[in-house]
N, C-alpha and C. Protein backbone atom coordinates (compact mmCIF):
# COMPACT_ATOMS: atom_id res chain seq x y z
N MET A 1 -88.02 168.94 48.21
CA MET A 1 -89.22 169.23 47.69
C MET A 1 -89.44 170.62 47.32
N LEU A 2 -89.48 170.79 45.96
CA LEU A 2 -89.82 172.01 45.16
C LEU A 2 -90.66 172.94 46.03
N PRO A 3 -91.02 174.22 46.38
CA PRO A 3 -91.76 174.87 46.22
C PRO A 3 -93.10 175.16 46.13
N ASN A 4 -93.38 174.48 44.57
CA ASN A 4 -94.76 174.45 44.08
C ASN A 4 -94.99 173.15 44.13
N GLU A 5 -94.52 172.16 44.81
CA GLU A 5 -95.00 170.99 45.01
C GLU A 5 -95.27 170.80 46.60
N ILE A 6 -95.03 171.37 47.46
CA ILE A 6 -95.50 171.40 48.86
C ILE A 6 -97.13 171.41 48.81
N SER A 7 -97.33 170.30 49.73
CA SER A 7 -99.08 169.96 49.76
C SER A 7 -99.42 170.51 50.82
N GLY A 8 -100.83 170.15 51.41
CA GLY A 8 -101.51 170.97 52.55
C GLY A 8 -101.61 172.36 52.07
N LYS A 9 -102.50 172.89 53.21
CA LYS A 9 -103.47 173.97 52.91
C LYS A 9 -102.74 175.09 52.30
N ASN A 10 -101.46 175.40 53.39
CA ASN A 10 -100.93 176.53 53.02
C ASN A 10 -99.93 176.68 51.56
N ASN A 11 -100.06 176.09 50.06
CA ASN A 11 -99.07 175.95 48.93
C ASN A 11 -98.94 176.85 48.38
N ARG A 12 -98.73 178.17 48.65
CA ARG A 12 -99.25 179.54 47.70
C ARG A 12 -97.77 179.72 47.80
N ARG A 13 -97.07 180.36 46.99
CA ARG A 13 -96.09 181.10 47.07
C ARG A 13 -95.72 182.55 48.27
N PRO A 14 -94.80 182.74 48.33
CA PRO A 14 -94.16 183.44 49.41
C PRO A 14 -95.04 184.82 48.61
N ARG A 15 -95.35 185.86 49.49
CA ARG A 15 -95.57 187.23 48.99
C ARG A 15 -94.72 188.21 49.94
N THR A 16 -94.15 187.87 51.09
CA THR A 16 -93.17 188.77 51.71
C THR A 16 -91.94 187.83 51.92
N LEU A 17 -90.56 188.41 52.17
CA LEU A 17 -89.19 187.98 52.37
C LEU A 17 -89.65 187.32 53.83
N ASP A 18 -90.19 187.92 54.60
CA ASP A 18 -90.13 187.06 55.84
C ASP A 18 -90.91 185.80 55.80
N GLU A 19 -91.99 185.52 54.49
CA GLU A 19 -92.39 184.20 54.45
C GLU A 19 -91.72 183.26 53.66
N VAL A 20 -90.64 183.71 52.79
CA VAL A 20 -89.56 183.26 52.21
C VAL A 20 -88.59 182.44 53.42
N VAL A 21 -88.60 183.48 54.53
CA VAL A 21 -87.73 182.64 55.91
C VAL A 21 -88.44 181.73 56.29
N GLN A 22 -89.59 182.23 56.53
CA GLN A 22 -90.72 180.74 57.33
C GLN A 22 -90.56 179.63 56.31
N MET A 23 -90.99 179.63 55.15
CA MET A 23 -91.01 178.52 54.45
C MET A 23 -90.03 177.92 54.14
N GLY A 24 -88.76 178.55 53.75
CA GLY A 24 -87.59 178.07 53.50
C GLY A 24 -87.20 177.25 55.03
N ALA A 25 -87.41 177.90 56.35
CA ALA A 25 -87.34 176.80 57.35
C ALA A 25 -87.73 176.01 57.15
N ARG A 26 -89.26 176.01 56.96
CA ARG A 26 -90.09 174.46 57.38
C ARG A 26 -90.05 173.78 56.17
N HIS A 27 -89.50 174.14 55.01
CA HIS A 27 -89.05 173.27 54.10
C HIS A 27 -87.62 173.06 53.55
N GLY A 28 -86.38 173.92 53.94
CA GLY A 28 -85.21 173.41 54.04
C GLY A 28 -84.78 174.20 52.56
N ASP A 29 -85.15 175.23 51.98
CA ASP A 29 -85.22 175.34 50.55
C ASP A 29 -85.08 176.93 50.83
N ILE A 30 -84.51 177.76 51.21
CA ILE A 30 -84.88 179.45 51.57
C ILE A 30 -84.60 179.59 49.85
N ASP A 31 -83.61 179.28 49.22
CA ASP A 31 -83.25 179.81 48.06
C ASP A 31 -84.68 179.45 46.90
N GLY A 32 -84.78 178.75 47.13
CA GLY A 32 -86.23 178.12 46.15
C GLY A 32 -87.25 179.17 46.38
N PHE A 33 -87.55 179.64 47.48
CA PHE A 33 -88.36 179.88 48.07
C PHE A 33 -88.48 181.47 47.73
N LEU A 34 -86.76 181.89 47.75
CA LEU A 34 -86.58 183.55 47.46
C LEU A 34 -86.72 183.80 45.77
N ARG A 35 -87.03 182.83 45.04
CA ARG A 35 -87.07 182.34 43.62
C ARG A 35 -88.59 182.47 43.54
N GLU A 36 -89.34 181.94 44.52
CA GLU A 36 -90.76 182.14 44.08
C GLU A 36 -91.26 183.27 44.38
N PHE A 37 -90.56 183.92 45.27
CA PHE A 37 -90.83 185.37 46.22
C PHE A 37 -90.75 186.64 44.63
N LEU A 38 -89.28 186.15 44.27
CA LEU A 38 -89.36 187.08 43.14
C LEU A 38 -90.43 186.97 41.69
N ASP A 39 -90.62 185.37 41.30
CA ASP A 39 -91.79 185.58 40.33
C ASP A 39 -92.69 186.40 40.88
N GLU A 40 -93.56 186.39 41.81
CA GLU A 40 -94.82 187.32 42.42
C GLU A 40 -94.57 188.37 42.45
N PHE A 41 -93.05 189.13 43.20
CA PHE A 41 -93.31 190.44 42.91
C PHE A 41 -92.72 190.66 41.61
N TYR A 42 -92.09 190.33 40.61
CA TYR A 42 -92.07 190.73 39.30
C TYR A 42 -93.68 190.80 38.92
N MET A 43 -94.56 189.94 38.76
CA MET A 43 -95.78 189.56 38.24
C MET A 43 -96.93 190.74 39.00
N GLU A 44 -96.28 191.35 40.06
CA GLU A 44 -97.25 192.12 40.95
C GLU A 44 -97.39 193.44 40.00
N GLN A 45 -98.22 194.04 39.54
CA GLN A 45 -98.06 195.52 39.13
C GLN A 45 -98.47 196.57 39.71
N ASP A 46 -99.00 196.22 41.16
CA ASP A 46 -99.29 197.48 42.28
C ASP A 46 -98.27 197.86 42.73
N MET A 47 -97.55 199.19 42.81
CA MET A 47 -96.52 199.33 43.41
C MET A 47 -96.77 199.62 44.97
N THR A 48 -97.68 199.70 45.12
CA THR A 48 -98.12 199.52 46.80
C THR A 48 -98.09 198.18 47.07
N VAL A 49 -99.01 197.22 46.59
CA VAL A 49 -98.44 196.08 47.02
C VAL A 49 -97.07 195.38 47.12
N ARG A 50 -96.07 196.10 46.04
CA ARG A 50 -94.89 195.60 45.87
C ARG A 50 -94.01 196.61 46.77
N ALA A 51 -94.24 197.38 47.29
CA ALA A 51 -93.71 198.13 48.74
C ALA A 51 -94.09 197.39 49.85
N ALA A 52 -95.23 197.07 49.77
CA ALA A 52 -95.74 196.02 50.82
C ALA A 52 -94.90 194.95 51.15
N MET A 53 -94.59 194.12 49.89
CA MET A 53 -94.38 192.92 50.09
C MET A 53 -92.80 192.72 50.51
N LEU A 54 -92.33 193.79 50.30
CA LEU A 54 -90.81 194.76 50.67
C LEU A 54 -90.74 194.63 52.16
N ALA A 55 -91.82 195.73 52.52
CA ALA A 55 -91.75 195.93 53.91
C ALA A 55 -91.74 195.46 55.08
N GLU A 56 -92.21 193.72 55.31
CA GLU A 56 -91.98 192.79 56.42
C GLU A 56 -90.78 192.59 56.93
N ARG A 57 -89.97 192.80 57.90
CA ARG A 57 -89.11 192.55 58.48
C ARG A 57 -89.01 190.79 58.36
N PRO A 58 -88.06 190.07 57.58
CA PRO A 58 -88.03 188.78 58.06
C PRO A 58 -87.00 188.45 59.25
N GLU A 59 -87.32 187.18 59.73
CA GLU A 59 -86.69 187.04 61.03
C GLU A 59 -85.68 186.68 60.56
N LEU A 60 -84.51 187.22 61.40
CA LEU A 60 -83.10 186.93 61.43
C LEU A 60 -82.95 185.18 61.45
N ILE A 61 -81.84 184.66 60.80
CA ILE A 61 -81.64 183.47 61.66
C ILE A 61 -80.08 182.94 61.24
N ASP A 62 -79.64 182.14 61.75
CA ASP A 62 -78.10 181.86 62.13
C ASP A 62 -77.39 181.99 61.12
N ASN A 63 -77.88 181.88 59.74
CA ASN A 63 -77.31 182.36 58.93
C ASN A 63 -77.09 183.85 57.94
N VAL A 64 -75.68 184.77 58.94
CA VAL A 64 -75.41 185.96 58.21
C VAL A 64 -75.61 186.49 56.95
N ARG A 65 -74.67 185.40 56.05
CA ARG A 65 -74.99 185.56 54.74
C ARG A 65 -76.14 185.40 54.18
N THR A 66 -77.20 184.37 54.59
CA THR A 66 -78.30 184.97 54.21
C THR A 66 -79.07 186.27 54.66
N ASN A 67 -79.37 186.49 55.84
CA ASN A 67 -79.83 187.90 56.66
C ASN A 67 -79.47 189.04 55.75
N ALA A 68 -78.06 189.11 55.52
CA ALA A 68 -77.56 190.12 54.36
C ALA A 68 -78.18 190.04 52.98
N TYR A 69 -78.10 189.16 52.50
CA TYR A 69 -78.27 188.50 51.35
C TYR A 69 -79.89 188.92 51.40
N LEU A 70 -80.58 188.51 52.35
CA LEU A 70 -82.52 189.03 51.93
C LEU A 70 -82.41 190.55 51.90
N ALA A 71 -81.91 191.54 52.91
CA ALA A 71 -81.84 192.77 52.76
C ALA A 71 -81.09 193.55 51.82
N ALA A 72 -80.52 192.86 51.02
CA ALA A 72 -79.48 193.19 49.56
C ALA A 72 -81.06 193.27 48.91
N VAL A 73 -81.21 192.26 48.60
CA VAL A 73 -82.16 191.89 47.71
C VAL A 73 -83.80 192.95 48.09
N ALA A 74 -84.28 193.10 49.06
CA ALA A 74 -85.26 194.16 49.76
C ALA A 74 -84.64 195.23 48.89
N GLU A 75 -83.47 195.90 49.55
CA GLU A 75 -82.82 197.17 48.88
C GLU A 75 -83.01 197.43 47.35
N HIS A 76 -82.46 196.38 46.61
CA HIS A 76 -82.38 196.47 45.46
C HIS A 76 -83.33 196.44 44.40
N LEU A 77 -84.40 195.97 45.13
CA LEU A 77 -85.77 195.95 44.58
C LEU A 77 -86.35 197.01 44.72
N ALA A 78 -86.30 197.37 45.71
CA ALA A 78 -86.63 199.04 45.86
C ALA A 78 -86.47 199.91 45.10
N LEU A 79 -84.89 200.35 45.10
CA LEU A 79 -84.25 201.08 44.18
C LEU A 79 -84.88 200.92 43.15
N LYS A 80 -84.37 199.89 42.59
CA LYS A 80 -85.24 199.43 40.97
C LYS A 80 -86.45 200.05 40.37
N ASN A 81 -87.37 199.49 41.53
CA ASN A 81 -89.16 199.83 41.54
C ASN A 81 -89.43 201.58 41.53
N LYS A 82 -88.23 202.40 42.49
CA LYS A 82 -88.13 203.68 42.75
C LYS A 82 -89.24 203.48 44.20
N LEU A 83 -89.21 202.60 45.15
CA LEU A 83 -89.64 202.37 46.23
C LEU A 83 -89.06 202.97 47.94
N ASN A 84 -89.42 203.25 48.82
CA ASN A 84 -88.78 203.39 49.80
C ASN A 84 -88.27 202.03 50.26
N ILE A 85 -86.77 202.29 50.58
CA ILE A 85 -85.68 200.97 51.35
C ILE A 85 -86.77 200.76 52.66
N PRO A 86 -86.93 199.41 53.09
CA PRO A 86 -87.29 198.93 54.03
C PRO A 86 -86.69 199.45 55.03
N GLU A 87 -86.93 199.84 56.42
CA GLU A 87 -86.15 200.26 57.60
C GLU A 87 -85.13 199.06 57.84
N TRP A 88 -85.73 197.79 58.03
CA TRP A 88 -85.12 196.98 58.40
C TRP A 88 -84.18 196.44 57.33
N ALA A 89 -83.93 196.65 56.42
CA ALA A 89 -82.89 196.39 55.62
C ALA A 89 -81.74 197.23 55.59
N VAL A 90 -81.92 198.13 56.21
CA VAL A 90 -80.42 198.71 56.46
C VAL A 90 -79.95 198.95 58.08
N ASP A 91 -80.34 197.68 58.87
CA ASP A 91 -80.07 197.65 60.02
C ASP A 91 -78.78 196.60 60.28
N ASP A 92 -77.96 197.10 61.07
CA ASP A 92 -76.39 196.63 61.11
C ASP A 92 -76.44 195.28 61.00
N SER A 93 -77.40 194.22 61.52
CA SER A 93 -77.37 192.97 61.57
C SER A 93 -77.73 192.28 60.01
N ARG A 94 -78.12 193.26 59.14
CA ARG A 94 -78.42 192.88 57.73
C ARG A 94 -77.02 192.89 56.74
N PHE A 95 -75.65 193.54 57.31
CA PHE A 95 -74.56 193.54 56.73
C PHE A 95 -73.50 192.77 57.01
N LEU A 96 -72.53 192.41 56.22
CA LEU A 96 -71.17 191.48 56.47
C LEU A 96 -69.86 192.00 57.08
N LYS A 97 -69.38 191.61 57.66
CA LYS A 97 -68.14 192.06 57.89
C LYS A 97 -66.85 191.37 56.79
N ARG A 98 -67.44 190.50 56.58
CA ARG A 98 -66.01 189.96 55.57
C ARG A 98 -66.89 190.24 54.10
N PRO A 99 -66.21 189.94 52.85
CA PRO A 99 -66.83 189.82 51.53
C PRO A 99 -67.39 188.22 51.03
N TYR A 100 -68.20 188.37 50.46
CA TYR A 100 -68.90 186.97 50.26
C TYR A 100 -69.10 186.89 48.70
N PHE A 101 -68.35 186.05 48.12
CA PHE A 101 -69.19 185.86 46.85
C PHE A 101 -69.39 184.41 46.70
N PRO A 102 -71.14 184.52 46.56
CA PRO A 102 -71.82 183.16 46.48
C PRO A 102 -71.26 182.40 45.28
N CYS A 103 -70.40 183.30 43.87
CA CYS A 103 -70.48 181.95 42.96
C CYS A 103 -69.25 181.08 43.10
N GLY A 104 -68.13 181.53 44.11
CA GLY A 104 -67.20 181.00 44.46
C GLY A 104 -65.80 180.19 43.69
N LEU A 105 -66.34 181.24 42.42
CA LEU A 105 -65.36 181.05 41.06
C LEU A 105 -64.34 182.28 41.69
N GLU A 106 -63.16 181.75 42.50
CA GLU A 106 -61.83 182.81 42.24
C GLU A 106 -61.46 183.49 40.30
N SER A 107 -61.43 182.93 39.57
CA SER A 107 -61.49 183.75 38.67
C SER A 107 -62.46 184.80 38.31
N LEU A 108 -63.59 184.50 38.88
CA LEU A 108 -64.51 185.69 38.42
C LEU A 108 -64.70 186.64 39.63
N LYS A 109 -64.19 187.00 40.43
CA LYS A 109 -63.75 187.59 41.60
C LYS A 109 -63.71 189.32 41.12
N ALA A 110 -63.10 189.70 40.26
CA ALA A 110 -62.86 190.95 39.66
C ALA A 110 -63.97 191.39 38.62
N THR A 111 -64.61 190.80 38.41
CA THR A 111 -65.62 191.04 37.78
C THR A 111 -66.90 191.14 38.90
N LEU A 112 -66.77 190.47 39.48
CA LEU A 112 -67.89 190.56 40.49
C LEU A 112 -67.69 191.92 41.16
N LEU A 113 -66.95 192.11 41.54
CA LEU A 113 -66.26 193.26 42.29
C LEU A 113 -66.51 194.71 41.54
N ALA A 114 -66.67 194.11 40.06
CA ALA A 114 -66.91 195.46 39.68
C ALA A 114 -68.58 195.40 38.91
N GLU A 115 -68.96 194.50 38.97
CA GLU A 115 -70.81 194.56 38.67
C GLU A 115 -71.42 194.55 39.62
N SER A 116 -71.38 194.09 40.87
CA SER A 116 -72.37 193.81 42.09
C SER A 116 -72.97 195.40 41.99
N PRO A 117 -74.42 195.01 42.34
CA PRO A 117 -75.45 196.36 42.44
C PRO A 117 -74.90 196.93 43.57
N VAL A 118 -75.23 198.45 43.51
CA VAL A 118 -74.71 198.84 44.68
C VAL A 118 -75.62 197.98 46.39
N ALA A 119 -76.70 197.86 46.21
CA ALA A 119 -77.34 196.98 47.07
C ALA A 119 -76.85 195.67 48.07
N PHE A 120 -76.22 195.26 46.83
CA PHE A 120 -75.14 193.86 47.23
C PHE A 120 -73.95 194.50 48.13
N ARG A 121 -73.39 195.03 46.96
CA ARG A 121 -71.93 195.88 47.49
C ARG A 121 -71.84 196.10 48.54
N ARG A 122 -72.65 197.14 49.02
CA ARG A 122 -72.53 197.71 50.18
C ARG A 122 -72.40 196.72 51.55
N ARG A 123 -73.07 195.21 51.08
CA ARG A 123 -73.14 194.36 52.24
C ARG A 123 -72.35 193.52 52.03
N MET A 124 -71.20 193.55 51.33
CA MET A 124 -69.69 192.76 50.92
C MET A 124 -70.46 191.85 49.99
N ILE A 125 -71.39 191.75 49.46
CA ILE A 125 -72.01 190.21 48.82
C ILE A 125 -71.54 190.85 47.53
N PHE A 126 -70.91 189.97 46.31
CA PHE A 126 -70.78 189.95 45.34
C PHE A 126 -70.94 189.40 44.33
N VAL A 127 -72.00 189.70 43.43
CA VAL A 127 -72.60 188.81 42.33
C VAL A 127 -72.33 189.56 41.04
N GLY A 128 -73.28 188.84 40.21
CA GLY A 128 -73.23 189.34 38.96
C GLY A 128 -74.07 190.85 38.69
N ASN A 129 -74.12 191.11 37.74
CA ASN A 129 -75.32 192.71 37.49
C ASN A 129 -76.57 192.67 37.46
N ASP A 130 -76.88 191.36 37.44
CA ASP A 130 -78.37 191.14 37.31
C ASP A 130 -78.94 189.92 38.43
N PRO A 131 -78.51 190.12 39.77
CA PRO A 131 -78.44 188.76 40.35
C PRO A 131 -80.37 188.35 40.82
N LEU A 132 -80.88 189.12 40.70
CA LEU A 132 -82.24 188.67 40.95
C LEU A 132 -83.36 188.27 39.63
N TYR A 133 -82.31 188.04 38.63
CA TYR A 133 -83.21 187.59 37.00
C TYR A 133 -83.51 186.20 37.45
N ARG A 134 -85.20 186.67 36.66
CA ARG A 134 -86.04 185.24 36.44
C ARG A 134 -86.80 185.60 35.34
N PRO A 135 -86.93 184.54 35.04
CA PRO A 135 -87.33 184.69 33.33
C PRO A 135 -88.97 185.34 33.27
N ARG A 136 -89.47 184.82 34.38
CA ARG A 136 -90.99 185.79 34.41
C ARG A 136 -91.29 187.55 34.80
N ARG A 137 -89.98 187.51 34.75
CA ARG A 137 -89.64 189.30 35.19
C ARG A 137 -89.87 190.32 34.16
N GLY A 138 -90.59 190.28 32.98
CA GLY A 138 -90.89 190.78 31.88
C GLY A 138 -89.34 191.96 31.47
N ALA A 139 -90.33 192.86 31.14
CA ALA A 139 -89.40 193.90 31.10
C ALA A 139 -88.32 194.78 32.09
C-alpha cells in the first residue's frame, strides 16, 4: 500500500523521521514514507519547523543500515539547510562498520565513493551526489 493511500484516521504524511519509522513499520514501507517526509520537509519554508522535523530521535530498528541511513538523512538535510545536526544522528548506533552501496552495482562503486555527500560517506553509506532528490524540492 502506498503511503498516500492509507485509510483511516491518521492518513497524513510523516513530519518527523520518527514518524517515518513508525509508519513504515506499521505498513512495511520505510522507503516510501521517507520519500513522503522529504516532500513535507522541502515544502516547509519555516527553518524552525524544519529543524524540529529533524530533531525527534527515530526509534532504532533491527536494520542497522536503515538506522544509519536515517541519521545520514538528518545530518545531510541539516547541513544543506544550515540547521543544527540533531544529537541522535551522531550516536555510535547510527554508523555502519562495513561499507554499504544501496544501488548494488559493482560498476558504480568508484563513482559513489567520490560522489557521496559527507553525511553518508562518514557512515560508510555510498550513494550518488544527490541522494535525497525529490521533484517537489524546488530550488
